Protein backbone atom coordinates (compact mmCIF):
# COMPACT_ATOMS: atom_id res chain seq x y z
CA MET A 1 29.58 -64.18 -23.40
CA GLU A 2 31.06 -62.22 -25.81
CA HIS A 3 29.66 -60.78 -28.68
CA PHE A 4 30.94 -59.47 -31.96
CA THR A 5 29.80 -56.96 -34.65
CA VAL A 6 29.22 -57.75 -38.39
CA GLU A 7 32.01 -55.36 -39.33
CA GLN A 8 34.45 -57.16 -36.84
CA VAL A 9 33.08 -60.83 -37.99
CA ALA A 10 33.78 -59.52 -41.57
CA ALA A 11 37.53 -57.98 -40.62
CA ARG A 12 38.15 -61.45 -38.94
CA LEU A 13 37.22 -63.51 -41.60
CA GLY A 14 38.85 -61.59 -44.21
CA LEU A 15 34.96 -61.25 -45.77
CA HIS A 16 32.79 -58.32 -47.04
CA VAL A 17 30.56 -56.82 -44.56
CA LYS A 18 27.99 -58.02 -47.00
CA THR A 19 28.75 -61.20 -47.52
CA VAL A 20 28.79 -61.58 -43.48
CA ARG A 21 25.20 -60.20 -43.67
CA ASN A 22 23.51 -62.91 -45.78
CA TYR A 23 25.28 -65.45 -43.99
CA VAL A 24 23.30 -64.08 -41.22
CA ARG A 25 19.88 -63.46 -43.16
CA ASP A 26 20.20 -66.75 -44.18
CA GLY A 27 20.48 -68.42 -40.98
CA ARG A 28 23.88 -69.98 -42.26
CA LEU A 29 25.46 -67.99 -39.16
CA PRO A 30 23.16 -67.25 -36.10
CA ALA A 31 22.96 -63.92 -34.65
CA VAL A 32 20.73 -61.95 -32.52
CA ARG A 33 19.62 -58.49 -33.65
CA ILE A 34 20.10 -55.62 -31.37
CA GLY A 35 18.38 -52.53 -32.93
CA LYS A 36 19.07 -52.57 -36.28
CA ARG A 37 22.81 -54.28 -35.81
CA TYR A 38 23.34 -57.93 -35.42
CA ARG A 39 25.66 -59.54 -32.57
CA ILE A 40 27.37 -62.63 -33.18
CA ALA A 41 27.95 -64.59 -30.49
CA LYS A 42 31.91 -66.10 -29.99
CA GLU A 43 30.79 -69.33 -29.52
CA ASP A 44 28.15 -69.62 -33.01
CA LEU A 45 31.46 -67.90 -34.83
CA GLU A 46 33.42 -70.74 -33.57
CA ALA A 47 31.18 -73.17 -34.92
CA PHE A 48 30.40 -71.37 -38.04
CA THR A 49 34.47 -71.10 -39.05
CA GLY A 50 35.13 -74.77 -36.80
CA LEU A 51 38.00 -72.76 -35.61
CA PRO A 52 38.45 -70.99 -32.44
CA VAL A 53 38.18 -67.43 -32.50
CA SER A 54 40.71 -65.13 -30.68
CA MET A 55 40.72 -61.44 -30.94
CA PRO A 56 43.89 -59.64 -31.47
CA ALA A 57 44.88 -58.10 -27.87
CA PRO A 58 44.91 -54.64 -27.39
CA ALA A 59 48.22 -52.35 -28.54
CA ARG A 60 50.27 -51.80 -25.66
CA ARG A 61 51.25 -48.30 -25.23
CA ALA A 62 53.59 -46.99 -22.49
CA GLU A 63 53.32 -43.58 -21.20
CA VAL A 64 55.51 -41.57 -18.83
CA SER A 65 54.69 -38.92 -16.19
CA SER A 66 57.81 -36.90 -15.57
CA ILE A 67 59.00 -33.41 -13.57
CA VAL A 68 62.35 -31.78 -14.48
CA GLN A 69 63.60 -29.41 -11.74
CA ILE A 70 65.83 -26.80 -13.19
CA ASP A 71 67.40 -24.45 -10.32
CA GLY A 72 68.98 -21.38 -10.51
CA ILE A 73 67.12 -20.04 -13.65
CA ALA A 74 65.60 -16.24 -14.38
CA ARG A 75 62.28 -15.69 -15.34
CA SER A 76 63.94 -14.70 -18.79
CA ASP A 77 65.77 -17.94 -19.29
CA MET A 78 62.67 -19.89 -18.45
CA ASP A 79 60.88 -18.05 -20.99
CA ARG A 80 63.55 -18.96 -23.48
CA VAL A 81 63.32 -22.58 -22.20
CA SER A 82 59.90 -22.68 -22.58
CA THR A 83 59.41 -21.15 -26.43
CA MET A 84 62.26 -23.01 -27.59
CA VAL A 85 60.70 -26.62 -26.41
CA LEU A 86 57.09 -25.71 -27.51
CA GLY A 87 58.33 -24.38 -30.80
CA ALA A 88 60.32 -27.71 -31.53
CA LEU A 89 57.06 -29.80 -30.62
CA SER A 90 54.66 -27.63 -32.58
CA GLY A 91 52.87 -29.66 -34.87
CA GLY A 92 54.23 -32.55 -33.39
CA PRO A 93 53.42 -35.70 -31.60
CA ARG A 94 49.53 -36.00 -30.26
CA GLY A 95 48.99 -36.98 -26.82
CA LEU A 96 51.89 -35.17 -25.09
CA ARG A 97 51.55 -32.33 -22.84
CA VAL A 98 54.20 -30.12 -21.32
CA GLU A 99 53.32 -27.72 -18.53
CA PHE A 100 55.89 -25.17 -17.16
CA VAL A 101 56.06 -23.15 -13.59
CA HIS A 102 58.71 -20.87 -12.83
CA ASP A 103 59.01 -20.06 -8.88
CA GLU A 104 61.00 -16.77 -9.07
CA GLU A 105 61.52 -16.64 -5.22
CA ARG A 106 63.20 -19.76 -5.51
CA SER A 107 64.37 -19.30 -9.09
CA HIS A 108 63.63 -22.52 -10.31
CA LEU A 109 61.71 -24.08 -12.93
CA LYS A 110 59.54 -27.12 -13.43
CA ILE A 111 58.50 -28.99 -16.67
CA ILE A 112 55.66 -31.35 -16.26
CA ILE A 113 56.01 -34.03 -19.15
CA LEU A 114 52.92 -36.29 -19.83
CA GLY A 115 53.16 -38.48 -22.77
CA GLY A 116 54.77 -41.50 -24.98
CA LEU A 117 57.82 -42.50 -24.30
CA GLU A 118 59.85 -41.45 -27.38
CA GLU A 119 58.38 -38.24 -27.19
CA THR A 120 58.95 -37.78 -23.50
CA ALA A 121 62.41 -38.90 -24.45
CA GLN A 122 62.50 -35.96 -27.25
CA VAL A 123 61.25 -33.26 -24.96
CA LEU A 124 64.06 -34.11 -22.26
CA ARG A 125 66.88 -34.03 -24.93
CA ILE A 126 65.74 -30.55 -25.84
CA VAL A 127 65.78 -29.62 -22.42
CA ASP A 128 68.89 -30.96 -21.70
CA ALA A 129 70.28 -29.36 -24.83
CA LEU A 130 68.94 -25.70 -23.29
CA VAL A 131 70.03 -26.06 -19.88
CA ARG A 132 73.64 -27.09 -21.10
CA ASP A 133 73.56 -23.69 -23.07
């Protein structure tokens, strides 16, 4: 059985929280008290409003995990690429993670990017511009 808080019901109905609490206290809207908070059953809310209750679907979020490998890159170039990428992202998107792993023996750099689609695309554009130079 699905339950809602007073705050969720108020937001759903476009009412003030105090109004919903008054409905509960007056007995017009059945609720169960758990600790200091009320919980309202979905069925009781539907009976109260006369309409089916459908909560909005959770927001969709797509994320990317990608690894870019750049071959033939010296340590000094790796430092330049990592500094430029991190500098371009400073103060930028939250939830984006970028890591750099340089293998000096093989002279290649791996850039690990974890984050949202647009944020990852931004990092890839920066890396592409730096590698072309």
